[in-house]
Amino acid sequence: MSDNTEKIIEPKMRFDAFMANVKDGGLRSVSSIYMLVCYIVANMNNRVSAATIIEAVDGAMIANYFEISDAVAKLLKAGTIMENDDEMLYMDEQDIEEIALIEKELPLTIRQRSIKACQKVIARETYQRDNKVISEKVDGGYKVHLKVSDNTTDFMNLELFAVNESQAELIKDKFISDPAAVYETLIDAIFNN
């Protein structure tokens, strides 16, 4: 092979992505990260925001925060993905069809983990919007007010005591991650006794 001959390397085999905070098996190439963003948008058309994708993919340790942020920004700028008035991302039908042709280039576990991570972030955002947690400092600790509601009805108002701020935050985080489970567990405990 002469010095002038350019080596042809499969784009997904270029390990050119920053790997800090990425689990083993995560995406190591910039082109794979771009492909993943398009895959997520194509499969969650009009139901996922840029912030959700970034938080979910970074949180699941699939790709580095800066790499995923950069990919989303560049794909938006290029018009490959677009944002509606509600900040939800979408692609046109032709691009969605093209993504379906190349999505198998991404490992199945990465595809599944990324969609599941996005759904978790969306669920948590919905829970935070619909269900309230208020923590207030009182003598000797914190009162944590938990409320499960829908648009018109409060199903549960619960007040718990926490000895310190970190315990109050833990209660808040656990509740917000799945308030319906907290409500159902409480109802089951009341009616089963």
Protein backbone atom coordinates (compact mmCIF):
# COMPACT_ATOMS: atom_id res chain seq x y z
CA MET A 1 0.00 0.00 0.00
CA SER A 2 1.49 3.36 -0.96
CA ASP A 3 1.63 6.37 1.35
CA ASN A 4 -0.82 8.24 -0.89
CA THR A 5 -3.48 5.55 -0.60
CA GLU A 6 -6.16 6.60 1.81
CA LYS A 7 -7.27 3.90 4.20
CA ILE A 8 -10.96 3.24 3.95
CA ILE A 9 -12.45 2.69 7.35
CA GLU A 10 -16.05 1.85 8.11
CA PRO A 11 -17.46 5.10 9.66
CA LYS A 12 -18.97 3.30 12.63
CA MET A 13 -15.57 1.76 13.38
CA ARG A 14 -13.88 5.12 13.93
CA PHE A 15 -13.51 5.48 17.66
CA ASP A 16 -13.56 9.26 17.67
CA ALA A 17 -16.11 10.07 20.39
CA PHE A 18 -15.20 11.29 23.85
CA MET A 19 -15.86 8.38 26.24
CA ALA A 20 -16.07 9.98 29.70
CA ASN A 21 -19.10 8.65 31.65
CA VAL A 22 -19.90 6.04 28.98
CA LYS A 23 -20.51 2.41 29.98
CA ASP A 24 -18.77 -0.48 28.26
CA GLY A 25 -20.75 -1.18 25.13
CA GLY A 26 -21.65 2.51 24.72
CA LEU A 27 -21.22 4.39 21.49
CA ARG A 28 -17.63 5.20 20.59
CA SER A 29 -18.06 6.90 17.25
CA VAL A 30 -19.53 10.29 16.43
CA SER A 31 -21.40 8.90 13.42
CA SER A 32 -23.07 6.26 15.61
CA ILE A 33 -24.17 8.98 18.03
CA TYR A 34 -25.70 10.98 15.15
CA MET A 35 -27.44 7.82 13.96
CA LEU A 36 -28.77 7.17 17.49
CA VAL A 37 -30.25 10.68 17.76
CA CYS A 38 -32.01 10.19 14.42
CA TYR A 39 -33.21 6.73 15.50
CA ILE A 40 -34.70 8.12 18.72
CA VAL A 41 -36.41 11.02 16.94
CA ALA A 42 -37.76 8.71 14.22
CA ASN A 43 -39.17 6.29 16.78
CA MET A 44 -40.55 8.91 19.17
CA ASN A 45 -41.65 11.41 16.53
CA ASN A 46 -43.14 14.54 18.15
CA ARG A 47 -42.90 13.03 21.67
CA VAL A 48 -39.30 13.78 22.65
CA SER A 49 -37.36 17.01 23.17
CA ALA A 50 -33.67 17.68 22.64
CA ALA A 51 -33.19 18.04 26.39
CA THR A 52 -34.84 14.67 26.99
CA ILE A 53 -32.61 12.89 24.48
CA ILE A 54 -29.49 14.46 25.96
CA GLU A 55 -30.47 13.65 29.55
CA ALA A 56 -31.60 10.10 28.72
CA VAL A 57 -28.63 9.05 26.59
CA ASP A 58 -26.13 10.61 28.98
CA GLY A 59 -27.93 9.20 32.03
CA ALA A 60 -28.00 5.70 30.55
CA MET A 61 -24.26 6.10 29.85
CA ILE A 62 -24.75 5.29 26.16
CA ALA A 63 -22.86 8.35 24.91
CA ASN A 64 -21.01 11.26 26.44
CA TYR A 65 -23.06 14.35 27.36
CA PHE A 66 -21.00 16.70 25.16
CA GLU A 67 -21.07 14.33 22.19
CA ILE A 68 -24.84 13.81 22.35
CA SER A 69 -25.45 17.56 22.84
CA ASP A 70 -23.25 18.36 19.87
CA ALA A 71 -24.99 15.74 17.70
CA VAL A 72 -28.46 17.09 18.53
CA ALA A 73 -27.38 20.70 17.86
CA LYS A 74 -25.74 19.85 14.52
CA LEU A 75 -28.66 17.70 13.34
CA LEU A 76 -31.07 20.55 14.19
CA LYS A 77 -28.88 23.08 12.38
CA ALA A 78 -28.65 20.82 9.33
CA GLY A 79 -32.43 20.35 9.27
CA THR A 80 -32.18 16.57 9.57
CA ILE A 81 -34.29 16.80 12.71
CA MET A 82 -36.67 19.67 13.37
CA GLU A 83 -38.31 21.19 16.42
CA ASN A 84 -41.98 22.18 16.63
CA ASP A 85 -43.45 24.98 18.77
CA ASP A 86 -43.63 22.66 21.81
CA GLU A 87 -39.89 21.92 21.46
CA MET A 88 -40.65 18.34 20.42
CA LEU A 89 -38.41 16.88 17.73
CA TYR A 90 -39.58 15.32 14.51
CA MET A 91 -38.34 14.18 11.11
CA ASP A 92 -40.06 14.12 7.76
CA GLU A 93 -41.41 10.78 6.49
CA GLN A 94 -38.64 10.24 3.94
CA ASP A 95 -35.93 10.63 6.61
CA ILE A 96 -37.81 8.26 8.93
CA GLU A 97 -37.87 5.66 6.16
CA GLU A 98 -34.14 6.10 5.58
CA ILE A 99 -33.41 5.68 9.30
CA ALA A 100 -35.39 2.42 9.24
CA LEU A 101 -32.99 1.16 6.56
CA ILE A 102 -29.82 1.87 8.58
CA GLU A 103 -30.99 1.49 12.19
CA LYS A 104 -29.64 -2.07 12.31
CA GLU A 105 -26.17 -0.55 12.23
CA LEU A 106 -26.77 0.34 15.88
CA PRO A 107 -26.66 -2.57 18.33
CA LEU A 108 -30.12 -3.76 19.40
CA THR A 109 -29.28 -3.23 23.09
CA ILE A 110 -28.32 0.40 22.40
CA ARG A 111 -31.57 0.98 20.51
CA GLN A 112 -33.64 -0.58 23.28
CA ARG A 113 -31.77 1.17 26.13
CA SER A 114 -32.01 4.57 24.44
CA ILE A 115 -35.78 4.38 23.89
CA LYS A 116 -36.36 3.05 27.41
CA ALA A 117 -34.17 5.81 28.89
CA CYS A 118 -36.10 8.48 26.96
CA GLN A 119 -39.42 7.03 28.11
CA LYS A 120 -38.22 7.12 31.74
CA VAL A 121 -37.19 10.77 31.45
CA ILE A 122 -40.51 11.66 29.79
CA ALA A 123 -42.45 9.81 32.52
CA ARG A 124 -40.49 11.60 35.25
CA GLU A 125 -41.13 14.98 33.57
CA THR A 126 -44.85 14.16 33.38
CA TYR A 127 -44.91 13.08 37.02
CA GLN A 128 -43.13 16.27 38.07
CA ARG A 129 -45.60 18.39 36.14
CA ASP A 130 -48.71 16.55 37.38
CA ASN A 131 -47.63 15.59 40.90
CA LYS A 132 -46.11 17.98 43.38
CA VAL A 133 -43.44 17.58 46.02
CA ILE A 134 -42.73 20.48 48.33
CA SER A 135 -40.06 20.36 50.97
CA GLU A 136 -40.01 22.92 53.76
CA LYS A 137 -37.54 23.40 56.59
CA VAL A 138 -39.07 23.05 60.08
CA ASP A 139 -37.64 22.72 63.59
CA GLY A 140 -35.55 19.56 63.72
CA GLY A 141 -35.75 18.68 60.02
CA TYR A 142 -37.94 18.98 56.95
CA LYS A 143 -41.59 18.40 56.09
CA VAL A 144 -42.03 16.81 52.68
CA HIS A 145 -45.49 17.25 51.13
CA LEU A 146 -46.36 14.68 48.45
CA LYS A 147 -49.37 15.14 46.20
CA VAL A 148 -50.76 12.76 43.57
CA SER A 149 -53.28 14.40 41.25
CA ASP A 150 -54.65 14.68 37.77
CA ASN A 151 -56.05 17.78 36.14
CA THR A 152 -59.06 18.11 38.45
CA THR A 153 -58.65 15.83 41.48
CA ASP A 154 -56.11 15.38 44.24
CA PHE A 155 -55.94 11.64 44.93
CA MET A 156 -53.46 11.86 47.77
CA ASN A 157 -51.91 14.50 50.00
CA LEU A 158 -49.25 13.03 52.24
CA GLU A 159 -46.83 14.75 54.60
CA LEU A 160 -43.63 13.03 55.74
CA PHE A 161 -40.92 14.16 58.13
CA ALA A 162 -37.25 13.99 57.10
CA VAL A 163 -34.41 14.56 59.55
CA ASN A 164 -32.18 16.37 57.04
CA GLU A 165 -32.14 17.92 53.58
CA SER A 166 -30.54 14.90 51.89
CA GLN A 167 -33.25 12.59 53.25
CA ALA A 168 -35.92 15.06 52.07
CA GLU A 169 -34.34 15.09 48.59
CA LEU A 170 -34.22 11.28 48.55
CA ILE A 171 -37.94 11.12 49.40
CA LYS A 172 -38.65 13.66 46.67
CA ASP A 173 -36.60 11.80 44.04
CA LYS A 174 -38.12 8.40 44.87
CA PHE A 175 -41.65 9.81 44.83
CA ILE A 176 -41.21 11.69 41.56
CA SER A 177 -39.71 8.63 39.86
CA ASP A 178 -43.07 6.83 40.21
CA PRO A 179 -45.81 8.56 42.24
CA ALA A 180 -48.46 6.14 40.98
CA ALA A 181 -46.55 3.24 42.57
CA VAL A 182 -46.40 5.11 45.89
CA TYR A 183 -50.13 5.77 45.72
CA GLU A 184 -50.97 2.17 44.72
CA THR A 185 -48.76 0.73 47.48
CA LEU A 186 -50.43 2.93 50.08
CA ILE A 187 -53.93 2.03 48.87
CA ASP A 188 -53.05 -1.69 48.80
CA ALA A 189 -51.67 -1.46 52.35
CA ILE A 190 -54.85 0.26 53.60
CA PHE A 191 -57.32 -2.11 51.93
CA ASN A 192 -55.40 -5.35 52.55
CA ASN A 193 -55.40 -4.91 56.33
